[in-house]
Amino acid sequence: RVAISQQQATWIAQDNPISSLPREERVKMLGLLPPDSKVAEMPLKTFSAPAGILLPSSVDWRNNGGNFVSPVKNQGACGSCWAFATTAALESKAMISLNTPGKPPNLSEQIVLSCSGAGSCDGGYIDQASTFLASTGTNKELYYPYKAADGYCLNASFNWTYRPYMFSGWSSVPQDLSALKSAIYSNGP
């Protein structure tokens, strides 16, 4: 807390429900698996910054003409962080595209978990989940509420594929600070 205060950060470190779990339980929640290029359905595109872009000194999508960041959600005791991450990115992209700051569409992570084939509660591939969200999409939470457990796609409402929320495409971003900053600035969270 002293180090955070010395950096003049605006947040306070505190215990939370996850930090109080035993290590074995926390590890179960870490489900992101590295991309498996042999299984990728779409060719992997790499993000390249638009030419001549001048990055501002800071960008906060929570205060960038409104809040375009979806709220924190609880994945429970299921290693579905990969489904939550891709779904949250799609929620933010929807708010930006529809210009509806502060009004996330509350999309179904369970559809991504149970229908994408990208993983399970034992972990999953964010690249395959992104491909699923670009080719098929997901819909609102009410079509298949989150269970914090593996499920069957047949348990989703029969019409969840009608007018789904989708990515128009996706690219990987090189592990380079300048490229990461440019991608977030250009495309959102």
C-alpha atoms as a PDB file:
ATOM      1  CA  ARG A   1       0.000   0.000   0.000  1.00  0.00           C
ATOM      2  CA  VAL A   2       2.907   2.348   0.714  1.00  0.00           C
ATOM      3  CA  ALA A   3       4.399   1.721  -2.741  1.00  0.00           C
ATOM      4  CA  ILE A   4       1.014   2.351  -4.355  1.00  0.00           C
ATOM      5  CA  SER A   5       0.611   5.568  -2.399  1.00  0.00           C
ATOM      6  CA  GLN A   6       4.125   6.710  -3.343  1.00  0.00           C
ATOM      7  CA  GLN A   7       3.206   6.296  -7.006  1.00  0.00           C
ATOM      8  CA  GLN A   8       0.176   8.531  -6.348  1.00  0.00           C
ATOM      9  CA  ALA A   9      -2.149   5.860  -7.703  1.00  0.00           C
ATOM     10  CA  THR A  10      -5.856   6.369  -7.213  1.00  0.00           C
ATOM     11  CA  TRP A  11      -6.644   2.853  -5.992  1.00  0.00           C
ATOM     12  CA  ILE A  12      -6.198   0.976  -2.730  1.00  0.00           C
ATOM     13  CA  ALA A  13      -5.050  -2.636  -2.477  1.00  0.00           C
ATOM     14  CA  GLN A  14      -7.421  -4.718  -0.394  1.00  0.00           C
ATOM     15  CA  ASP A  15      -8.272  -8.348   0.142  1.00  0.00           C
ATOM     16  CA  ASN A  16     -11.003  -9.626  -2.131  1.00  0.00           C
ATOM     17  CA  PRO A  17     -12.858 -12.935  -2.489  1.00  0.00           C
ATOM     18  CA  ILE A  18     -10.172 -14.299  -4.802  1.00  0.00           C
ATOM     19  CA  SER A  19      -7.144 -13.278  -2.716  1.00  0.00           C
ATOM     20  CA  SER A  20      -8.624 -15.088   0.277  1.00  0.00           C
ATOM     21  CA  LEU A  21      -8.954 -18.404  -1.580  1.00  0.00           C
ATOM     22  CA  PRO A  22      -6.352 -21.151  -1.089  1.00  0.00           C
ATOM     23  CA  ARG A  23      -3.689 -21.187  -3.813  1.00  0.00           C
ATOM     24  CA  GLU A  24      -5.089 -24.382  -5.387  1.00  0.00           C
ATOM     25  CA  GLU A  25      -8.501 -22.736  -5.824  1.00  0.00           C
ATOM     26  CA  ARG A  26      -6.974 -19.556  -7.308  1.00  0.00           C
ATOM     27  CA  VAL A  27      -4.966 -21.619  -9.809  1.00  0.00           C
ATOM     28  CA  LYS A  28      -8.166 -23.344 -11.016  1.00  0.00           C
ATOM     29  CA  MET A  29      -9.406 -19.951 -12.171  1.00  0.00           C
ATOM     30  CA  LEU A  30      -6.388 -19.380 -14.444  1.00  0.00           C
ATOM     31  CA  GLY A  31      -7.725 -20.868 -17.645  1.00  0.00           C
ATOM     32  CA  LEU A  32      -5.995 -18.977 -20.443  1.00  0.00           C
ATOM     33  CA  LEU A  33      -4.108 -21.372 -22.720  1.00  0.00           C
ATOM     34  CA  PRO A  34      -1.522 -20.167 -25.271  1.00  0.00           C
ATOM     35  CA  PRO A  35      -2.763 -19.885 -28.873  1.00  0.00           C
ATOM     36  CA  ASP A  36      -2.726 -23.149 -30.779  1.00  0.00           C
ATOM     37  CA  SER A  37      -1.918 -22.195 -34.373  1.00  0.00           C
ATOM     38  CA  LYS A  38      -2.714 -25.732 -35.593  1.00  0.00           C
ATOM     39  CA  VAL A  39      -6.373 -25.307 -34.586  1.00  0.00           C
ATOM     40  CA  ALA A  40      -6.955 -21.681 -35.608  1.00  0.00           C
ATOM     41  CA  GLU A  41      -9.902 -21.368 -37.994  1.00  0.00           C
ATOM     42  CA  MET A  42      -9.068 -17.893 -39.262  1.00  0.00           C
ATOM     43  CA  PRO A  43      -5.617 -16.859 -40.453  1.00  0.00           C
ATOM     44  CA  LEU A  44      -3.871 -15.017 -37.654  1.00  0.00           C
ATOM     45  CA  LYS A  45      -3.559 -11.334 -38.534  1.00  0.00           C
ATOM     46  CA  THR A  46      -1.158  -9.109 -36.664  1.00  0.00           C
ATOM     47  CA  PHE A  47      -2.224  -5.608 -35.714  1.00  0.00           C
ATOM     48  CA  SER A  48      -0.209  -2.833 -37.268  1.00  0.00           C
ATOM     49  CA  ALA A  49      -0.581   0.742 -36.101  1.00  0.00           C
ATOM     50  CA  PRO A  50      -2.122   3.192 -38.560  1.00  0.00           C
ATOM     51  CA  ALA A  51       0.580   5.230 -40.280  1.00  0.00           C
ATOM     52  CA  GLY A  52       1.343   8.624 -38.753  1.00  0.00           C
ATOM     53  CA  ILE A  53      -0.740   8.069 -35.636  1.00  0.00           C
ATOM     54  CA  LEU A  54       0.259  10.296 -32.731  1.00  0.00           C
ATOM     55  CA  LEU A  55      -0.636   8.726 -29.426  1.00  0.00           C
ATOM     56  CA  PRO A  56      -1.819  10.981 -26.615  1.00  0.00           C
ATOM     57  CA  SER A  57       0.021  10.788 -23.297  1.00  0.00           C
ATOM     58  CA  SER A  58      -2.900   8.820 -21.835  1.00  0.00           C
ATOM     59  CA  VAL A  59      -6.243   7.292 -22.773  1.00  0.00           C
ATOM     60  CA  ASP A  60      -8.768   5.964 -20.301  1.00  0.00           C
ATOM     61  CA  TRP A  61     -11.712   4.243 -21.981  1.00  0.00           C
ATOM     62  CA  ARG A  62     -13.638   4.595 -18.700  1.00  0.00           C
ATOM     63  CA  ASN A  63     -13.576   8.363 -19.271  1.00  0.00           C
ATOM     64  CA  ASN A  64     -13.238   8.874 -23.016  1.00  0.00           C
ATOM     65  CA  GLY A  65     -16.461  10.650 -23.882  1.00  0.00           C
ATOM     66  CA  GLY A  66     -18.120   8.200 -21.506  1.00  0.00           C
ATOM     67  CA  ASN A  67     -17.360   4.806 -19.980  1.00  0.00           C
ATOM     68  CA  PHE A  68     -16.782   2.167 -22.658  1.00  0.00           C
ATOM     69  CA  VAL A  69     -15.458  -0.526 -20.291  1.00  0.00           C
ATOM     70  CA  SER A  70     -17.798  -3.299 -19.200  1.00  0.00           C
ATOM     71  CA  PRO A  71     -18.002  -3.975 -15.447  1.00  0.00           C
ATOM     72  CA  VAL A  72     -15.991  -6.618 -13.602  1.00  0.00           C
ATOM     73  CA  LYS A  73     -17.756  -9.986 -13.433  1.00  0.00           C
ATOM     74  CA  ASN A  74     -17.136 -13.094 -11.324  1.00  0.00           C
ATOM     75  CA  GLN A  75     -16.205 -16.264 -13.211  1.00  0.00           C
ATOM     76  CA  GLY A  76     -16.626 -18.388 -10.081  1.00  0.00           C
ATOM     77  CA  ALA A  77     -14.614 -21.566  -9.612  1.00  0.00           C
ATOM     78  CA  CYS A  78     -14.276 -22.130 -13.365  1.00  0.00           C
ATOM     79  CA  GLY A  79     -11.197 -21.456 -15.497  1.00  0.00           C
ATOM     80  CA  SER A  80     -13.246 -19.468 -18.018  1.00  0.00           C
ATOM     81  CA  CYS A  81     -11.240 -16.225 -17.905  1.00  0.00           C
ATOM     82  CA  TRP A  82     -10.628 -16.653 -21.652  1.00  0.00           C
ATOM     83  CA  ALA A  83     -14.403 -16.490 -22.302  1.00  0.00           C
ATOM     84  CA  PHE A  84     -14.840 -13.508 -19.980  1.00  0.00           C
ATOM     85  CA  ALA A  85     -11.951 -11.601 -21.591  1.00  0.00           C
ATOM     86  CA  THR A  86     -13.213 -12.011 -25.155  1.00  0.00           C
ATOM     87  CA  THR A  87     -16.815 -11.300 -24.172  1.00  0.00           C
ATOM     88  CA  ALA A  88     -15.793  -8.145 -22.273  1.00  0.00           C
ATOM     89  CA  ALA A  89     -13.826  -6.947 -25.310  1.00  0.00           C
ATOM     90  CA  LEU A  90     -16.913  -7.461 -27.469  1.00  0.00           C
ATOM     91  CA  GLU A  91     -19.089  -5.604 -24.934  1.00  0.00           C
ATOM     92  CA  SER A  92     -16.692  -2.648 -25.036  1.00  0.00           C
ATOM     93  CA  LYS A  93     -16.512  -2.717 -28.823  1.00  0.00           C
ATOM     94  CA  ALA A  94     -20.329  -2.750 -28.981  1.00  0.00           C
ATOM     95  CA  MET A  95     -20.555   0.294 -26.688  1.00  0.00           C
ATOM     96  CA  ILE A  96     -18.000   2.142 -28.845  1.00  0.00           C
ATOM     97  CA  SER A  97     -19.672   1.174 -32.150  1.00  0.00           C
ATOM     98  CA  LEU A  98     -23.192   1.966 -30.914  1.00  0.00           C
ATOM     99  CA  ASN A  99     -22.009   5.043 -28.969  1.00  0.00           C
ATOM    100  CA  THR A 100     -23.728   3.821 -25.811  1.00  0.00           C
ATOM    101  CA  PRO A 101     -21.165   4.577 -23.081  1.00  0.00           C
ATOM    102  CA  GLY A 102     -22.042   3.180 -19.665  1.00  0.00           C
ATOM    103  CA  LYS A 103     -24.607   0.799 -21.174  1.00  0.00           C
ATOM    104  CA  PRO A 104     -22.850  -2.525 -21.746  1.00  0.00           C
ATOM    105  CA  PRO A 105     -25.006  -5.095 -23.558  1.00  0.00           C
ATOM    106  CA  ASN A 106     -24.284  -7.767 -20.859  1.00  0.00           C
ATOM    107  CA  LEU A 107     -23.384 -10.574 -23.231  1.00  0.00           C
ATOM    108  CA  SER A 108     -23.361 -14.291 -22.436  1.00  0.00           C
ATOM    109  CA  GLU A 109     -19.996 -15.740 -21.456  1.00  0.00           C
ATOM    110  CA  GLN A 110     -21.743 -19.121 -21.119  1.00  0.00           C
ATOM    111  CA  ILE A 111     -22.452 -19.175 -24.860  1.00  0.00           C
ATOM    112  CA  VAL A 112     -18.732 -18.654 -25.508  1.00  0.00           C
ATOM    113  CA  LEU A 113     -17.853 -21.304 -22.898  1.00  0.00           C
ATOM    114  CA  SER A 114     -20.389 -23.900 -24.074  1.00  0.00           C
ATOM    115  CA  CYS A 115     -20.765 -23.262 -27.811  1.00  0.00           C
ATOM    116  CA  SER A 116     -17.405 -22.049 -29.141  1.00  0.00           C
ATOM    117  CA  GLY A 117     -15.328 -25.218 -28.805  1.00  0.00           C
ATOM    118  CA  ALA A 118     -12.529 -22.923 -27.599  1.00  0.00           C
ATOM    119  CA  GLY A 119     -12.264 -24.466 -24.147  1.00  0.00           C
ATOM    120  CA  SER A 120     -13.926 -25.406 -20.908  1.00  0.00           C
ATOM    121  CA  CYS A 121     -13.715 -24.662 -17.198  1.00  0.00           C
ATOM    122  CA  ASP A 122     -10.292 -26.330 -17.406  1.00  0.00           C
ATOM    123  CA  GLY A 123      -9.025 -23.541 -19.675  1.00  0.00           C
ATOM    124  CA  GLY A 124      -9.435 -22.227 -23.156  1.00  0.00           C
ATOM    125  CA  TYR A 125      -7.909 -20.471 -26.124  1.00  0.00           C
ATOM    126  CA  ILE A 126      -8.572 -16.757 -26.466  1.00  0.00           C
ATOM    127  CA  ASP A 127      -7.719 -16.858 -30.184  1.00  0.00           C
ATOM    128  CA  GLN A 128     -10.318 -19.549 -30.850  1.00  0.00           C
ATOM    129  CA  ALA A 129     -12.889 -17.699 -28.713  1.00  0.00           C
ATOM    130  CA  SER A 130     -12.176 -14.533 -30.729  1.00  0.00           C
ATOM    131  CA  THR A 131     -12.628 -16.459 -33.968  1.00  0.00           C
ATOM    132  CA  PHE A 132     -15.962 -17.785 -32.666  1.00  0.00           C
ATOM    133  CA  LEU A 133     -17.076 -14.251 -31.798  1.00  0.00           C
ATOM    134  CA  ALA A 134     -16.111 -13.112 -35.304  1.00  0.00           C
ATOM    135  CA  SER A 135     -17.793 -16.015 -37.133  1.00  0.00           C
ATOM    136  CA  THR A 136     -20.805 -16.795 -34.919  1.00  0.00           C
ATOM    137  CA  GLY A 137     -20.976 -14.276 -32.089  1.00  0.00           C
ATOM    138  CA  THR A 138     -22.818 -14.396 -28.792  1.00  0.00           C
ATOM    139  CA  ASN A 139     -25.967 -12.821 -27.508  1.00  0.00           C
ATOM    140  CA  LYS A 140     -27.269 -11.308 -24.293  1.00  0.00           C
ATOM    141  CA  GLU A 141     -26.849 -13.066 -20.957  1.00  0.00           C
ATOM    142  CA  LEU A 142     -30.552 -13.932 -20.774  1.00  0.00           C
ATOM    143  CA  TYR A 143     -30.116 -16.368 -23.702  1.00  0.00           C
ATOM    144  CA  TYR A 144     -27.764 -18.534 -21.610  1.00  0.00           C
ATOM    145  CA  PRO A 145     -27.016 -17.262 -18.087  1.00  0.00           C
ATOM    146  CA  TYR A 146     -23.579 -18.019 -16.680  1.00  0.00           C
ATOM    147  CA  LYS A 147     -23.351 -21.230 -14.619  1.00  0.00           C
ATOM    148  CA  ALA A 148     -19.631 -21.241 -13.621  1.00  0.00           C
ATOM    149  CA  ALA A 149     -19.594 -24.768 -15.061  1.00  0.00           C
ATOM    150  CA  ASP A 150     -19.214 -26.445 -18.424  1.00  0.00           C
ATOM    151  CA  GLY A 151     -22.519 -26.721 -20.242  1.00  0.00           C
ATOM    152  CA  TYR A 152     -24.130 -27.802 -23.472  1.00  0.00           C
ATOM    153  CA  CYS A 153     -24.834 -25.385 -26.271  1.00  0.00           C
ATOM    154  CA  LEU A 154     -28.270 -26.979 -26.589  1.00  0.00           C
ATOM    155  CA  ASN A 155     -29.090 -25.463 -23.159  1.00  0.00           C
ATOM    156  CA  ALA A 156     -28.950 -21.965 -24.656  1.00  0.00           C
ATOM    157  CA  SER A 157     -32.234 -20.415 -25.793  1.00  0.00           C
ATOM    158  CA  PHE A 158     -33.004 -21.771 -29.262  1.00  0.00           C
ATOM    159  CA  ASN A 159     -32.875 -18.317 -30.880  1.00  0.00           C
ATOM    160  CA  TRP A 160     -29.595 -17.056 -29.422  1.00  0.00           C
ATOM    161  CA  THR A 161     -28.065 -16.955 -32.923  1.00  0.00           C
ATOM    162  CA  TYR A 162     -30.676 -14.462 -34.132  1.00  0.00           C
ATOM    163  CA  ARG A 163     -28.974 -11.052 -34.434  1.00  0.00           C
ATOM    164  CA  PRO A 164     -25.911 -11.933 -32.345  1.00  0.00           C
ATOM    165  CA  TYR A 165     -23.210  -9.507 -31.255  1.00  0.00           C
ATOM    166  CA  MET A 166     -20.069 -10.190 -33.298  1.00  0.00           C
ATOM    167  CA  PHE A 167     -16.573  -8.918 -33.976  1.00  0.00           C
ATOM    168  CA  SER A 168     -16.027  -7.825 -37.574  1.00  0.00           C
ATOM    169  CA  GLY A 169     -12.614  -9.481 -37.257  1.00  0.00           C
ATOM    170  CA  TRP A 170      -9.666  -9.577 -34.906  1.00  0.00           C
ATOM    171  CA  SER A 171      -5.877  -9.415 -34.911  1.00  0.00           C
ATOM    172  CA  SER A 172      -3.170 -10.346 -32.503  1.00  0.00           C
ATOM    173  CA  VAL A 173      -1.093  -7.510 -31.071  1.00  0.00           C
ATOM    174  CA  PRO A 174       2.673  -7.942 -30.795  1.00  0.00           C
ATOM    175  CA  GLN A 175       4.049  -7.950 -27.259  1.00  0.00           C
ATOM    176  CA  ASP A 176       5.433  -4.482 -27.774  1.00  0.00           C
ATOM    177  CA  LEU A 177       4.419  -1.514 -25.598  1.00  0.00           C
ATOM    178  CA  SER A 178       4.006   0.873 -28.521  1.00  0.00           C
ATOM    179  CA  ALA A 179       1.865  -1.615 -30.475  1.00  0.00           C
ATOM    180  CA  LEU A 180      -0.273  -2.347 -27.395  1.00  0.00           C
ATOM    181  CA  LYS A 181      -0.837   1.365 -26.744  1.00  0.00           C
ATOM    182  CA  SER A 182      -1.701   1.986 -30.387  1.00  0.00           C
ATOM    183  CA  ALA A 183      -4.143  -0.951 -30.512  1.00  0.00           C
ATOM    184  CA  ILE A 184      -5.973   0.168 -27.379  1.00  0.00           C
ATOM    185  CA  TYR A 185      -6.078   3.765 -28.544  1.00  0.00           C
ATOM    186  CA  SER A 186      -7.290   2.832 -32.046  1.00  0.00           C
ATOM    187  CA  ASN A 187      -9.729   0.035 -31.205  1.00  0.00           C
ATOM    188  CA  GLY A 188     -10.723   0.352 -27.552  1.00  0.00           C
ATOM    189  CA  PRO A 189     -10.280  -1.989 -24.630  1.00  0.00           C
END
